[in-house]
Amino acid sequence: RLGGLARMNTPGTVGNNWWWRMTAPAPDTVKQEIRALIEKYNRGG
């Protein structure tokens, strides 16, 4: 749930691109959200 400051690239521009990175692993709440979505929409491969 990050805003525009976490954008990776703006096409047609040079500078201020490609720099965003995480400073900590994603929290367990993200893993739980993914699991629920996979089960609900049958995306388990």
PDB file of all heavy atoms in Angstrom:
ATOM      1  N   ARG A   1       0.835  -1.213   0.000  1.00  0.00           N
ATOM      2  CA  ARG A   1       0.000   0.000   0.000  1.00  0.00           C
ATOM      3  C   ARG A   1       0.866   1.260   0.000  1.00  0.00           C
ATOM      4  O   ARG A   1       0.638   2.199   0.769  1.00  0.00           O
ATOM      5  CB  ARG A   1      -0.964   0.020   1.193  1.00  0.00           C
ATOM      6  CG  ARG A   1      -1.837  -1.213   1.396  1.00  0.00           C
ATOM      7  CD  ARG A   1      -2.642  -1.598   0.161  1.00  0.00           C
ATOM      8  NE  ARG A   1      -3.762  -2.477   0.471  1.00  0.00           N
ATOM      9  CZ  ARG A   1      -3.739  -3.815   0.366  1.00  0.00           C
ATOM     10  NH1 ARG A   1      -2.611  -4.434  -0.034  1.00  0.00           N
ATOM     11  NH2 ARG A   1      -4.812  -4.529   0.645  1.00  0.00           N
ATOM     12  N   LEU A   2       1.849   1.289  -0.899  1.00  0.00           N
ATOM     13  CA  LEU A   2       2.752   2.433  -0.984  1.00  0.00           C
ATOM     14  C   LEU A   2       2.292   3.408  -2.058  1.00  0.00           C
ATOM     15  O   LEU A   2       1.694   3.022  -3.070  1.00  0.00           O
ATOM     16  CB  LEU A   2       4.175   1.962  -1.282  1.00  0.00           C
ATOM     17  CG  LEU A   2       4.811   1.076  -0.210  1.00  0.00           C
ATOM     18  CD1 LEU A   2       6.203   0.636  -0.644  1.00  0.00           C
ATOM     19  CD2 LEU A   2       4.875   1.795   1.132  1.00  0.00           C
ATOM     20  N   GLY A   3       2.602   4.678  -1.850  1.00  0.00           N
ATOM     21  CA  GLY A   3       2.207   5.732  -2.773  1.00  0.00           C
ATOM     22  C   GLY A   3       3.224   5.973  -3.879  1.00  0.00           C
ATOM     23  O   GLY A   3       4.139   5.179  -4.106  1.00  0.00           O
ATOM     24  N   GLY A   4       3.066   7.099  -4.549  1.00  0.00           N
ATOM     25  CA  GLY A   4       3.856   7.409  -5.731  1.00  0.00           C
ATOM     26  C   GLY A   4       5.350   7.513  -5.499  1.00  0.00           C
ATOM     27  O   GLY A   4       6.133   7.363  -6.443  1.00  0.00           O
ATOM     28  N   LEU A   5       5.784   7.762  -4.265  1.00  0.00           N
ATOM     29  CA  LEU A   5       7.216   7.847  -3.994  1.00  0.00           C
ATOM     30  C   LEU A   5       7.909   6.504  -4.185  1.00  0.00           C
ATOM     31  O   LEU A   5       9.134   6.450  -4.312  1.00  0.00           O
ATOM     32  CB  LEU A   5       7.469   8.357  -2.573  1.00  0.00           C
ATOM     33  CG  LEU A   5       7.140   9.839  -2.321  1.00  0.00           C
ATOM     34  CD1 LEU A   5       7.365  10.189  -0.855  1.00  0.00           C
ATOM     35  CD2 LEU A   5       7.976  10.740  -3.226  1.00  0.00           C
ATOM     36  N   ALA A   6       7.138   5.417  -4.211  1.00  0.00           N
ATOM     37  CA  ALA A   6       7.715   4.080  -4.402  1.00  0.00           C
ATOM     38  C   ALA A   6       7.651   3.641  -5.865  1.00  0.00           C
ATOM     39  O   ALA A   6       7.951   2.495  -6.179  1.00  0.00           O
ATOM     40  CB  ALA A   6       6.982   3.071  -3.536  1.00  0.00           C
ATOM     41  N   ARG A   7       7.289   4.551  -6.752  1.00  0.00           N
ATOM     42  CA  ARG A   7       7.245   4.223  -8.184  1.00  0.00           C
ATOM     43  C   ARG A   7       8.643   3.866  -8.665  1.00  0.00           C
ATOM     44  O   ARG A   7       9.623   4.526  -8.336  1.00  0.00           O
ATOM     45  CB  ARG A   7       6.696   5.403  -8.968  1.00  0.00           C
ATOM     46  CG  ARG A   7       6.599   5.151 -10.469  1.00  0.00           C
ATOM     47  CD  ARG A   7       5.898   6.280 -11.192  1.00  0.00           C
ATOM     48  NE  ARG A   7       5.739   5.945 -12.609  1.00  0.00           N
ATOM     49  CZ  ARG A   7       4.893   6.567 -13.430  1.00  0.00           C
ATOM     50  NH1 ARG A   7       4.132   7.552 -12.967  1.00  0.00           N
ATOM     51  NH2 ARG A   7       4.806   6.207 -14.699  1.00  0.00           N
ATOM     52  N   MET A   8       8.739   2.822  -9.498  1.00  0.00           N
ATOM     53  CA  MET A   8      10.043   2.359  -9.968  1.00  0.00           C
ATOM     54  C   MET A   8      10.570   3.191 -11.129  1.00  0.00           C
ATOM     55  O   MET A   8      11.753   3.503 -11.188  1.00  0.00           O
ATOM     56  CB  MET A   8       9.943   0.881 -10.367  1.00  0.00           C
ATOM     57  CG  MET A   8      11.275   0.165 -10.428  1.00  0.00           C
ATOM     58  SD  MET A   8      12.074   0.060  -8.819  1.00  0.00           S
ATOM     59  CE  MET A   8      13.441  -1.049  -9.161  1.00  0.00           C
ATOM     60  N   ASN A   9       9.694   3.542 -12.082  1.00  0.00           N
ATOM     61  CA  ASN A   9      10.179   4.244 -13.273  1.00  0.00           C
ATOM     62  C   ASN A   9       9.075   5.099 -13.868  1.00  0.00           C
ATOM     63  O   ASN A   9       7.911   4.718 -13.897  1.00  0.00           O
ATOM     64  CB  ASN A   9      10.651   3.238 -14.328  1.00  0.00           C
ATOM     65  CG  ASN A   9      11.142   3.915 -15.599  1.00  0.00           C
ATOM     66  OD1 ASN A   9      11.992   4.799 -15.545  1.00  0.00           O
ATOM     67  ND2 ASN A   9      10.600   3.529 -16.743  1.00  0.00           N
ATOM     68  N   THR A  10       9.467   6.278 -14.360  1.00  0.00           N
ATOM     69  CA  THR A  10       8.580   7.125 -15.145  1.00  0.00           C
ATOM     70  C   THR A  10       9.132   7.176 -16.561  1.00  0.00           C
ATOM     71  O   THR A  10      10.192   7.771 -16.791  1.00  0.00           O
ATOM     72  CB  THR A  10       8.505   8.552 -14.561  1.00  0.00           C
ATOM     73  OG1 THR A  10       8.050   8.473 -13.205  1.00  0.00           O
ATOM     74  CG2 THR A  10       7.548   9.413 -15.367  1.00  0.00           C
ATOM     75  N   PRO A  11       8.477   6.514 -17.532  1.00  0.00           N
ATOM     76  CA  PRO A  11       9.008   6.453 -18.902  1.00  0.00           C
ATOM     77  C   PRO A  11       9.263   7.839 -19.474  1.00  0.00           C
ATOM     78  O   PRO A  11       8.537   8.797 -19.196  1.00  0.00           O
ATOM     79  CB  PRO A  11       7.897   5.743 -19.674  1.00  0.00           C
ATOM     80  CG  PRO A  11       7.211   4.914 -18.653  1.00  0.00           C
ATOM     81  CD  PRO A  11       7.234   5.736 -17.398  1.00  0.00           C
ATOM     82  N   GLY A  12      10.314   7.923 -20.269  1.00  0.00           N
ATOM     83  CA  GLY A  12      10.658   9.177 -20.923  1.00  0.00           C
ATOM     84  C   GLY A  12      11.437  10.136 -20.046  1.00  0.00           C
ATOM     85  O   GLY A  12      11.712  11.267 -20.456  1.00  0.00           O
ATOM     86  N   THR A  13      11.805   9.716 -18.828  1.00  0.00           N
ATOM     87  CA  THR A  13      12.587  10.568 -17.935  1.00  0.00           C
ATOM     88  C   THR A  13      13.879   9.871 -17.536  1.00  0.00           C
ATOM     89  O   THR A  13      13.961   8.644 -17.548  1.00  0.00           O
ATOM     90  CB  THR A  13      11.800  10.914 -16.654  1.00  0.00           C
ATOM     91  OG1 THR A  13      11.633   9.727 -15.857  1.00  0.00           O
ATOM     92  CG2 THR A  13      10.430  11.476 -16.987  1.00  0.00           C
ATOM     93  N   VAL A  14      14.881  10.656 -17.213  1.00  0.00           N
ATOM     94  CA  VAL A  14      16.166  10.127 -16.746  1.00  0.00           C
ATOM     95  C   VAL A  14      16.447  10.737 -15.384  1.00  0.00           C
ATOM     96  O   VAL A  14      16.324  11.943 -15.188  1.00  0.00           O
ATOM     97  CB  VAL A  14      17.307  10.467 -17.725  1.00  0.00           C
ATOM     98  CG1 VAL A  14      18.643   9.950 -17.176  1.00  0.00           C
ATOM     99  CG2 VAL A  14      17.036   9.865 -19.094  1.00  0.00           C
ATOM    100  N   GLY A  15      16.849   9.900 -14.441  1.00  0.00           N
ATOM    101  CA  GLY A  15      17.064  10.360 -13.078  1.00  0.00           C
ATOM    102  C   GLY A  15      15.835  10.090 -12.229  1.00  0.00           C
ATOM    103  O   GLY A  15      14.698  10.066 -12.711  1.00  0.00           O
ATOM    104  N   ASN A  16      16.063   9.832 -10.962  1.00  0.00           N
ATOM    105  CA  ASN A  16      14.988   9.559  -9.999  1.00  0.00           C
ATOM    106  C   ASN A  16      14.192   8.301 -10.343  1.00  0.00           C
ATOM    107  O   ASN A  16      13.024   8.178  -9.992  1.00  0.00           O
ATOM    108  CB  ASN A  16      14.040  10.753  -9.883  1.00  0.00           C
ATOM    109  CG  ASN A  16      13.326  10.778  -8.529  1.00  0.00           C
ATOM    110  OD1 ASN A  16      13.921  10.437  -7.512  1.00  0.00           O
ATOM    111  ND2 ASN A  16      12.068  11.164  -8.526  1.00  0.00           N
ATOM    112  N   ASN A  17      14.814   7.368 -11.064  1.00  0.00           N
ATOM    113  CA  ASN A  17      14.188   6.101 -11.400  1.00  0.00           C
ATOM    114  C   ASN A  17      15.026   4.932 -10.881  1.00  0.00           C
ATOM    115  O   ASN A  17      16.217   5.080 -10.621  1.00  0.00           O
ATOM    116  CB  ASN A  17      14.023   5.954 -12.911  1.00  0.00           C
ATOM    117  CG  ASN A  17      13.042   6.946 -13.488  1.00  0.00           C
ATOM    118  OD1 ASN A  17      12.005   7.222 -12.894  1.00  0.00           O
ATOM    119  ND2 ASN A  17      13.353   7.510 -14.645  1.00  0.00           N
ATOM    120  N   TRP A  18      14.371   3.782 -10.746  1.00  0.00           N
ATOM    121  CA  TRP A  18      15.029   2.505 -10.451  1.00  0.00           C
ATOM    122  C   TRP A  18      15.610   2.412  -9.046  1.00  0.00           C
ATOM    123  O   TRP A  18      16.348   1.482  -8.757  1.00  0.00           O
ATOM    124  CB  TRP A  18      16.127   2.203 -11.469  1.00  0.00           C
ATOM    125  CG  TRP A  18      15.749   2.489 -12.866  1.00  0.00           C
ATOM    126  CD1 TRP A  18      16.278   3.457 -13.677  1.00  0.00           C
ATOM    127  CD2 TRP A  18      14.751   1.818 -13.644  1.00  0.00           C
ATOM    128  NE1 TRP A  18      15.664   3.446 -14.906  1.00  0.00           N
ATOM    129  CE2 TRP A  18      14.720   2.442 -14.917  1.00  0.00           C
ATOM    130  CE3 TRP A  18      13.879   0.754 -13.389  1.00  0.00           C
ATOM    131  CZ2 TRP A  18      13.855   2.029 -15.924  1.00  0.00           C
ATOM    132  CZ3 TRP A  18      13.013   0.350 -14.391  1.00  0.00           C
ATOM    133  CH2 TRP A  18      13.010   0.984 -15.635  1.00  0.00           C
ATOM    134  N   TRP A  19      15.295   3.332  -8.151  1.00  0.00           N
ATOM    135  CA  TRP A  19      15.987   3.366  -6.865  1.00  0.00           C
ATOM    136  C   TRP A  19      15.211   2.735  -5.711  1.00  0.00           C
ATOM    137  O   TRP A  19      15.789   2.413  -4.686  1.00  0.00           O
ATOM    138  CB  TRP A  19      16.341   4.803  -6.472  1.00  0.00           C
ATOM    139  CG  TRP A  19      15.195   5.756  -6.409  1.00  0.00           C
ATOM    140  CD1 TRP A  19      14.812   6.645  -7.371  1.00  0.00           C
ATOM    141  CD2 TRP A  19      14.256   5.916  -5.326  1.00  0.00           C
ATOM    142  NE1 TRP A  19      13.701   7.355  -6.958  1.00  0.00           N
ATOM    143  CE2 TRP A  19      13.348   6.921  -5.708  1.00  0.00           C
ATOM    144  CE3 TRP A  19      14.118   5.313  -4.077  1.00  0.00           C
ATOM    145  CZ2 TRP A  19      12.298   7.340  -4.886  1.00  0.00           C
ATOM    146  CZ3 TRP A  19      13.068   5.711  -3.259  1.00  0.00           C
ATOM    147  CH2 TRP A  19      12.176   6.724  -3.674  1.00  0.00           C
ATOM    148  N   TRP A  20      13.876   2.566  -5.857  1.00  0.00           N
ATOM    149  CA  TRP A  20      13.086   2.128  -4.694  1.00  0.00           C
ATOM    150  C   TRP A  20      13.476   0.736  -4.225  1.00  0.00           C
ATOM    151  O   TRP A  20      13.709  -0.176  -5.012  1.00  0.00           O
ATOM    152  CB  TRP A  20      11.589   2.116  -5.030  1.00  0.00           C
ATOM    153  CG  TRP A  20      10.793   1.619  -3.855  1.00  0.00           C
ATOM    154  CD1 TRP A  20      10.449   2.318  -2.743  1.00  0.00           C
ATOM    155  CD2 TRP A  20      10.317   0.282  -3.647  1.00  0.00           C
ATOM    156  NE1 TRP A  20       9.769   1.503  -1.845  1.00  0.00           N
ATOM    157  CE2 TRP A  20       9.679   0.252  -2.379  1.00  0.00           C
ATOM    158  CE3 TRP A  20      10.371  -0.896  -4.401  1.00  0.00           C
ATOM    159  CZ2 TRP A  20       9.091  -0.895  -1.854  1.00  0.00           C
ATOM    160  CZ3 TRP A  20       9.788  -2.055  -3.876  1.00  0.00           C
ATOM    161  CH2 TRP A  20       9.154  -2.040  -2.628  1.00  0.00           C
ATOM    162  N   ARG A  21      13.493   0.570  -2.897  1.00  0.00           N
ATOM    163  CA  ARG A  21      13.773  -0.744  -2.327  1.00  0.00           C
ATOM    164  C   ARG A  21      13.130  -0.867  -0.956  1.00  0.00           C
ATOM    165  O   ARG A  21      12.828   0.124  -0.277  1.00  0.00           O
ATOM    166  CB  ARG A  21      15.275  -1.016  -2.224  1.00  0.00           C
ATOM    167  CG  ARG A  21      16.052  -0.070  -1.326  1.00  0.00           C
ATOM    168  CD  ARG A  21      17.543  -0.347  -1.408  1.00  0.00           C
ATOM    169  NE  ARG A  21      17.867  -1.674  -0.932  1.00  0.00           N
ATOM    170  CZ  ARG A  21      18.291  -1.931   0.314  1.00  0.00           C
ATOM    171  NH1 ARG A  21      18.429  -0.943   1.190  1.00  0.00           N
ATOM    172  NH2 ARG A  21      18.578  -3.161   0.687  1.00  0.00           N
ATOM    173  N   MET A  22      12.914  -2.111  -0.559  1.00  0.00           N
ATOM    174  CA  MET A  22      12.384  -2.410   0.769  1.00  0.00           C
ATOM    175  C   MET A  22      13.529  -2.334   1.782  1.00  0.00           C
ATOM    176  O   MET A  22      14.670  -2.644   1.457  1.00  0.00           O
ATOM    177  CB  MET A  22      11.787  -3.815   0.790  1.00  0.00           C
ATOM    178  CG  MET A  22      10.685  -4.039  -0.215  1.00  0.00           C
ATOM    179  SD  MET A  22      10.246  -5.791  -0.373  1.00  0.00           S
ATOM    180  CE  MET A  22       9.481  -6.093   1.223  1.00  0.00           C
ATOM    181  N   THR A  23      13.209  -1.953   2.980  1.00  0.00           N
ATOM    182  CA  THR A  23      14.221  -1.967   4.045  1.00  0.00           C
ATOM    183  C   THR A  23      13.944  -3.059   5.058  1.00  0.00           C
ATOM    184  O   THR A  23      14.737  -3.280   5.976  1.00  0.00           O
ATOM    185  CB  THR A  23      14.278  -0.611   4.764  1.00  0.00           C
ATOM    186  OG1 THR A  23      12.967  -0.262   5.220  1.00  0.00           O
ATOM    187  CG2 THR A  23      14.777   0.476   3.809  1.00  0.00           C
ATOM    188  N   ALA A  24      12.817  -3.758   4.898  1.00  0.00           N
ATOM    189  CA  ALA A  24      12.460  -4.877   5.782  1.00  0.00           C
ATOM    190  C   ALA A  24      11.581  -5.841   4.992  1.00  0.00           C
ATOM    191  O   ALA A  24      10.903  -5.436   4.045  1.00  0.00           O
ATOM    192  CB  ALA A  24      11.722  -4.372   7.017  1.00  0.00           C
ATOM    193  N   PRO A  25      11.576  -7.118   5.349  1.00  0.00           N
ATOM    194  CA  PRO A  25      10.704  -8.066   4.664  1.00  0.00           C
ATOM    195  C   PRO A  25       9.232  -7.678   4.798  1.00  0.00           C
ATOM    196  O   PRO A  25       8.843  -6.979   5.741  1.00  0.00           O
ATOM    197  CB  PRO A  25      10.993  -9.390   5.378  1.00  0.00           C
ATOM    198  CG  PRO A  25      12.342  -9.203   6.008  1.00  0.00           C
ATOM    199  CD  PRO A  25      12.417  -7.755   6.377  1.00  0.00           C
ATOM    200  N   ALA A  26       8.416  -8.149   3.868  1.00  0.00           N
ATOM    201  CA  ALA A  26       6.980  -7.875   3.937  1.00  0.00           C
ATOM    202  C   ALA A  26       6.392  -8.501   5.199  1.00  0.00           C
ATOM    203  O   ALA A  26       6.784  -9.601   5.603  1.00  0.00           O
ATOM    204  CB  ALA A  26       6.285  -8.432   2.701  1.00  0.00           C
ATOM    205  N   PRO A  27       5.452  -7.837   5.856  1.00  0.00           N
ATOM    206  CA  PRO A  27       4.849  -8.389   7.083  1.00  0.00           C
ATOM    207  C   PRO A  27       3.987  -9.609   6.775  1.00  0.00           C
ATOM    208  O   PRO A  27       3.559  -9.834   5.636  1.00  0.00           O
ATOM    209  CB  PRO A  27       4.004  -7.222   7.602  1.00  0.00           C
ATOM    210  CG  PRO A  27       3.703  -6.390   6.400  1.00  0.00           C
ATOM    211  CD  PRO A  27       4.901  -6.510   5.513  1.00  0.00           C
ATOM    212  N   ASP A  28       3.699 -10.385   7.795  1.00  0.00           N
ATOM    213  CA  ASP A  28       2.893 -11.595   7.636  1.00  0.00           C
ATOM    214  C   ASP A  28       1.494 -11.284   7.121  1.00  0.00           C
ATOM    215  O   ASP A  28       0.841 -12.148   6.514  1.00  0.00           O
ATOM    216  CB  ASP A  28       2.798 -12.353   8.959  1.00  0.00           C
ATOM    217  CG  ASP A  28       4.079 -13.118   9.281  1.00  0.00           C
ATOM    218  OD1 ASP A  28       4.882 -13.332   8.350  1.00  0.00           O
ATOM    219  OD2 ASP A  28       4.267 -13.495  10.446  1.00  0.00           O
ATOM    220  N   THR A  29       1.004 -10.069   7.372  1.00  0.00           N
ATOM    221  CA  THR A  29      -0.331  -9.712   6.890  1.00  0.00           C
ATOM    222  C   THR A  29      -0.407  -9.784   5.362  1.00  0.00           C
ATOM    223  O   THR A  29      -1.462 -10.114   4.809  1.00  0.00           O
ATOM    224  CB  THR A  29      -0.715  -8.301   7.362  1.00  0.00           C
ATOM    225  OG1 THR A  29       0.337  -7.385   7.011  1.00  0.00           O
ATOM    226  CG2 THR A  29      -0.947  -8.266   8.864  1.00  0.00           C
ATOM    227  N   VAL A  30       0.695  -9.482   4.686  1.00  0.00           N
ATOM    228  CA  VAL A  30       0.716  -9.579   3.222  1.00  0.00           C
ATOM    229  C   VAL A  30       0.615 -11.043   2.808  1.00  0.00           C
ATOM    230  O   VAL A  30      -0.141 -11.393   1.895  1.00  0.00           O
ATOM    231  CB  VAL A  30       1.991  -8.930   2.644  1.00  0.00           C
ATOM    232  CG1 VAL A  30       2.105  -9.206   1.146  1.00  0.00           C
ATOM    233  CG2 VAL A  30       2.004  -7.439   2.919  1.00  0.00           C
ATOM    234  N   LYS A  31       1.355 -11.904   3.478  1.00  0.00           N
ATOM    235  CA  LYS A  31       1.296 -13.336   3.178  1.00  0.00           C
ATOM    236  C   LYS A  31      -0.122 -13.874   3.392  1.00  0.00           C
ATOM    237  O   LYS A  31      -0.631 -14.664   2.584  1.00  0.00           O
ATOM    238  CB  LYS A  31       2.294 -14.088   4.059  1.00  0.00           C
ATOM    239  CG  LYS A  31       2.482 -15.552   3.677  1.00  0.00           C
ATOM    240  CD  LYS A  31       3.418 -16.254   4.653  1.00  0.00           C
ATOM    241  CE  LYS A  31       4.806 -15.654   4.644  1.00  0.00           C
ATOM    242  NZ  LYS A  31       5.745 -16.413   5.527  1.00  0.00           N
ATOM    243  N   GLN A  32      -0.757 -13.439   4.464  1.00  0.00           N
ATOM    244  CA  GLN A  32      -2.118 -13.879   4.752  1.00  0.00           C
ATOM    245  C   GLN A  32      -3.090 -13.382   3.692  1.00  0.00           C
ATOM    246  O   GLN A  32      -4.005 -14.118   3.272  1.00  0.00           O
ATOM    247  CB  GLN A  32      -2.534 -13.389   6.139  1.00  0.00           C
ATOM    248  CG  GLN A  32      -1.746 -14.028   7.282  1.00  0.00           C
ATOM    249  CD  GLN A  32      -1.851 -13.258   8.582  1.00  0.00           C
ATOM    250  OE1 GLN A  32      -2.627 -12.303   8.692  1.00  0.00           O
ATOM    251  NE2 GLN A  32      -1.059 -13.644   9.578  1.00  0.00           N
ATOM    252  N   GLU A  33      -2.902 -12.146   3.241  1.00  0.00           N
ATOM    253  CA  GLU A  33      -3.759 -11.592   2.185  1.00  0.00           C
ATOM    254  C   GLU A  33      -3.618 -12.406   0.906  1.00  0.00           C
ATOM    255  O   GLU A  33      -4.617 -12.738   0.245  1.00  0.00           O
ATOM    256  CB  GLU A  33      -3.391 -10.127   1.931  1.00  0.00           C
ATOM    257  CG  GLU A  33      -4.219  -9.478   0.826  1.00  0.00           C
ATOM    258  CD  GLU A  33      -3.800  -8.040   0.545  1.00  0.00           C
ATOM    259  OE1 GLU A  33      -2.751  -7.597   1.077  1.00  0.00           O
ATOM    260  OE2 GLU A  33      -4.511  -7.367  -0.221  1.00  0.00           O
ATOM    261  N   ILE A  34      -2.380 -12.743   0.548  1.00  0.00           N
ATOM    262  CA  ILE A  34      -2.142 -13.517  -0.666  1.00  0.00           C
ATOM    263  C   ILE A  34      -2.777 -14.896  -0.569  1.00  0.00           C
ATOM    264  O   ILE A  34      -3.445 -15.356  -1.512  1.00  0.00           O
ATOM    265  CB  ILE A  34      -0.624 -13.637  -0.928  1.00  0.00           C
ATOM    266  CG1 ILE A  34      -0.025 -12.268  -1.253  1.00  0.00           C
ATOM    267  CG2 ILE A  34      -0.353 -14.611  -2.070  1.00  0.00           C
ATOM    268  CD1 ILE A  34       1.495 -12.247  -1.269  1.00  0.00           C
ATOM    269  N   ARG A  35      -2.590 -15.560   0.543  1.00  0.00           N
ATOM    270  CA  ARG A  35      -3.155 -16.900   0.726  1.00  0.00           C
ATOM    271  C   ARG A  35      -4.676 -16.880   0.558  1.00  0.00           C
ATOM    272  O   ARG A  35      -5.258 -17.759  -0.092  1.00  0.00           O
ATOM    273  CB  ARG A  35      -2.801 -17.443   2.108  1.00  0.00           C
ATOM    274  CG  ARG A  35      -1.368 -17.931   2.251  1.00  0.00           C
ATOM    275  CD  ARG A  35      -1.111 -18.313   3.683  1.00  0.00           C
ATOM    276  NE  ARG A  35       0.217 -18.876   3.887  1.00  0.00           N
ATOM    277  CZ  ARG A  35       0.785 -19.049   5.073  1.00  0.00           C
ATOM    278  NH1 ARG A  35       0.114 -18.702   6.175  1.00  0.00           N
ATOM    279  NH2 ARG A  35       1.996 -19.559   5.183  1.00  0.00           N
ATOM    280  N   ALA A  36      -5.313 -15.878   1.163  1.00  0.00           N
ATOM    281  CA  ALA A  36      -6.770 -15.777   1.081  1.00  0.00           C
ATOM    282  C   ALA A  36      -7.222 -15.560  -0.365  1.00  0.00           C
ATOM    283  O   ALA A  36      -8.211 -16.155  -0.821  1.00  0.00           O
ATOM    284  CB  ALA A  36      -7.269 -14.649   1.979  1.00  0.00           C
ATOM    285  N   LEU A  37      -6.499 -14.717  -1.100  1.00  0.00           N
ATOM    286  CA  LEU A  37      -6.852 -14.441  -2.497  1.00  0.00           C
ATOM    287  C   LEU A  37      -6.641 -15.673  -3.375  1.00  0.00           C
ATOM    288  O   LEU A  37      -7.450 -15.962  -4.269  1.00  0.00           O
ATOM    289  CB  LEU A  37      -6.013 -13.274  -3.021  1.00  0.00           C
ATOM    290  CG  LEU A  37      -6.382 -11.888  -2.484  1.00  0.00           C
ATOM    291  CD1 LEU A  37      -5.283 -10.885  -2.801  1.00  0.00           C
ATOM    292  CD2 LEU A  37      -7.722 -11.423  -3.062  1.00  0.00           C
ATOM    293  N   ILE A  38      -5.554 -16.382  -3.151  1.00  0.00           N
ATOM    294  CA  ILE A  38      -5.277 -17.592  -3.929  1.00  0.00           C
ATOM    295  C   ILE A  38      -6.377 -18.637  -3.712  1.00  0.00           C
ATOM    296  O   ILE A  38      -6.863 -19.256  -4.671  1.00  0.00           O
ATOM    297  CB  ILE A  38      -3.893 -18.165  -3.565  1.00  0.00           C
ATOM    298  CG1 ILE A  38      -2.787 -17.262  -4.145  1.00  0.00           C
ATOM    299  CG2 ILE A  38      -3.737 -19.599  -4.084  1.00  0.00           C
ATOM    300  CD1 ILE A  38      -1.396 -17.649  -3.713  1.00  0.00           C
ATOM    301  N   GLU A  39      -6.789 -18.796  -2.470  1.00  0.00           N
ATOM    302  CA  GLU A  39      -7.833 -19.778  -2.175  1.00  0.00           C
ATOM    303  C   GLU A  39      -9.168 -19.335  -2.778  1.00  0.00           C
ATOM    304  O   GLU A  39      -9.894 -20.146  -3.383  1.00  0.00           O
ATOM    305  CB  GLU A  39      -7.970 -19.955  -0.662  1.00  0.00           C
ATOM    306  CG  GLU A  39      -9.013 -20.995  -0.276  1.00  0.00           C
ATOM    307  CD  GLU A  39      -9.060 -21.237   1.228  1.00  0.00           C
ATOM    308  OE1 GLU A  39      -8.238 -20.651   1.960  1.00  0.00           O
ATOM    309  OE2 GLU A  39      -9.942 -22.011   1.656  1.00  0.00           O
ATOM    310  N   LYS A  40      -9.492 -18.067  -2.646  1.00  0.00           N
ATOM    311  CA  LYS A  40     -10.781 -17.556  -3.117  1.00  0.00           C
ATOM    312  C   LYS A  40     -10.902 -17.640  -4.632  1.00  0.00           C
ATOM    313  O   LYS A  40     -11.978 -17.965  -5.160  1.00  0.00           O
ATOM    314  CB  LYS A  40     -10.962 -16.116  -2.646  1.00  0.00           C
ATOM    315  CG  LYS A  40     -12.318 -15.513  -3.018  1.00  0.00           C
ATOM    316  CD  LYS A  40     -12.468 -14.122  -2.419  1.00  0.00           C
ATOM    317  CE  LYS A  40     -13.829 -13.520  -2.759  1.00  0.00           C
ATOM    318  NZ  LYS A  40     -14.006 -12.161  -2.160  1.00  0.00           N
ATOM    319  N   TYR A  41      -9.787 -17.367  -5.334  1.00  0.00           N
ATOM    320  CA  TYR A  41      -9.849 -17.269  -6.799  1.00  0.00           C
ATOM    321  C   TYR A  41      -9.087 -18.384  -7.497  1.00  0.00           C
ATOM    322  O   TYR A  41      -8.772 -18.274  -8.679  1.00  0.00           O
ATOM    323  CB  TYR A  41      -9.345 -15.886  -7.250  1.00  0.00           C
ATOM    324  CG  TYR A  41     -10.254 -14.795  -6.779  1.00  0.00           C
ATOM    325  CD1 TYR A  41      -9.880 -13.948  -5.730  1.00  0.00           C
ATOM    326  CD2 TYR A  41     -11.516 -14.624  -7.341  1.00  0.00           C
ATOM    327  CE1 TYR A  41     -10.728 -12.954  -5.281  1.00  0.00           C
ATOM    328  CE2 TYR A  41     -12.369 -13.623  -6.889  1.00  0.00           C
ATOM    329  CZ  TYR A  41     -11.971 -12.792  -5.857  1.00  0.00           C
ATOM    330  OH  TYR A  41     -12.822 -11.815  -5.405  1.00  0.00           O
ATOM    331  N   ASN A  42      -8.797 -19.448  -6.764  1.00  0.00           N
ATOM    332  CA  ASN A  42      -8.215 -20.662  -7.366  1.00  0.00           C
ATOM    333  C   ASN A  42      -6.952 -20.355  -8.157  1.00  0.00           C
ATOM    334  O   ASN A  42      -6.838 -20.711  -9.330  1.00  0.00           O
ATOM    335  CB  ASN A  42      -9.271 -21.345  -8.256  1.00  0.00           C
ATOM    336  CG  ASN A  42      -8.787 -22.690  -8.797  1.00  0.00           C
ATOM    337  OD1 ASN A  42      -7.977 -23.368  -8.153  1.00  0.00           O
ATOM    338  ND2 ASN A  42      -9.239 -23.065  -9.974  1.00  0.00           N
ATOM    339  N   ARG A  43      -6.003 -19.695  -7.512  1.00  0.00           N
ATOM    340  CA  ARG A  43      -4.737 -19.355  -8.191  1.00  0.00           C
ATOM    341  C   ARG A  43      -3.565 -20.117  -7.558  1.00  0.00           C
ATOM    342  O   ARG A  43      -2.472 -19.587  -7.418  1.00  0.00           O
ATOM    343  CB  ARG A  43      -4.487 -17.862  -8.170  1.00  0.00           C
ATOM    344  CG  ARG A  43      -5.422 -17.102  -9.114  1.00  0.00           C
ATOM    345  CD  ARG A  43      -4.892 -15.753  -9.516  1.00  0.00           C
ATOM    346  NE  ARG A  43      -5.780 -15.094 -10.470  1.00  0.00           N
ATOM    347  CZ  ARG A  43      -5.719 -15.258 -11.793  1.00  0.00           C
ATOM    348  NH1 ARG A  43      -4.830 -16.098 -12.316  1.00  0.00           N
ATOM    349  NH2 ARG A  43      -6.545 -14.611 -12.591  1.00  0.00           N
ATOM    350  N   GLY A  44      -3.796 -21.363  -7.210  1.00  0.00           N
ATOM    351  CA  GLY A  44      -2.747 -22.163  -6.596  1.00  0.00           C
ATOM    352  C   GLY A  44      -1.883 -22.925  -7.587  1.00  0.00           C
ATOM    353  O   GLY A  44      -1.047 -23.731  -7.191  1.00  0.00           O
ATOM    354  N   GLY A  45      -2.086 -22.684  -8.889  1.00  0.00           N
ATOM    355  CA  GLY A  45      -1.239 -23.335  -9.896  1.00  0.00           C
ATOM    356  C   GLY A  45      -1.672 -24.748 -10.219  1.00  0.00           C
ATOM    357  O   GLY A  45      -0.899 -25.522 -10.779  1.00  0.00           O
TER     358      GLY A  45
END
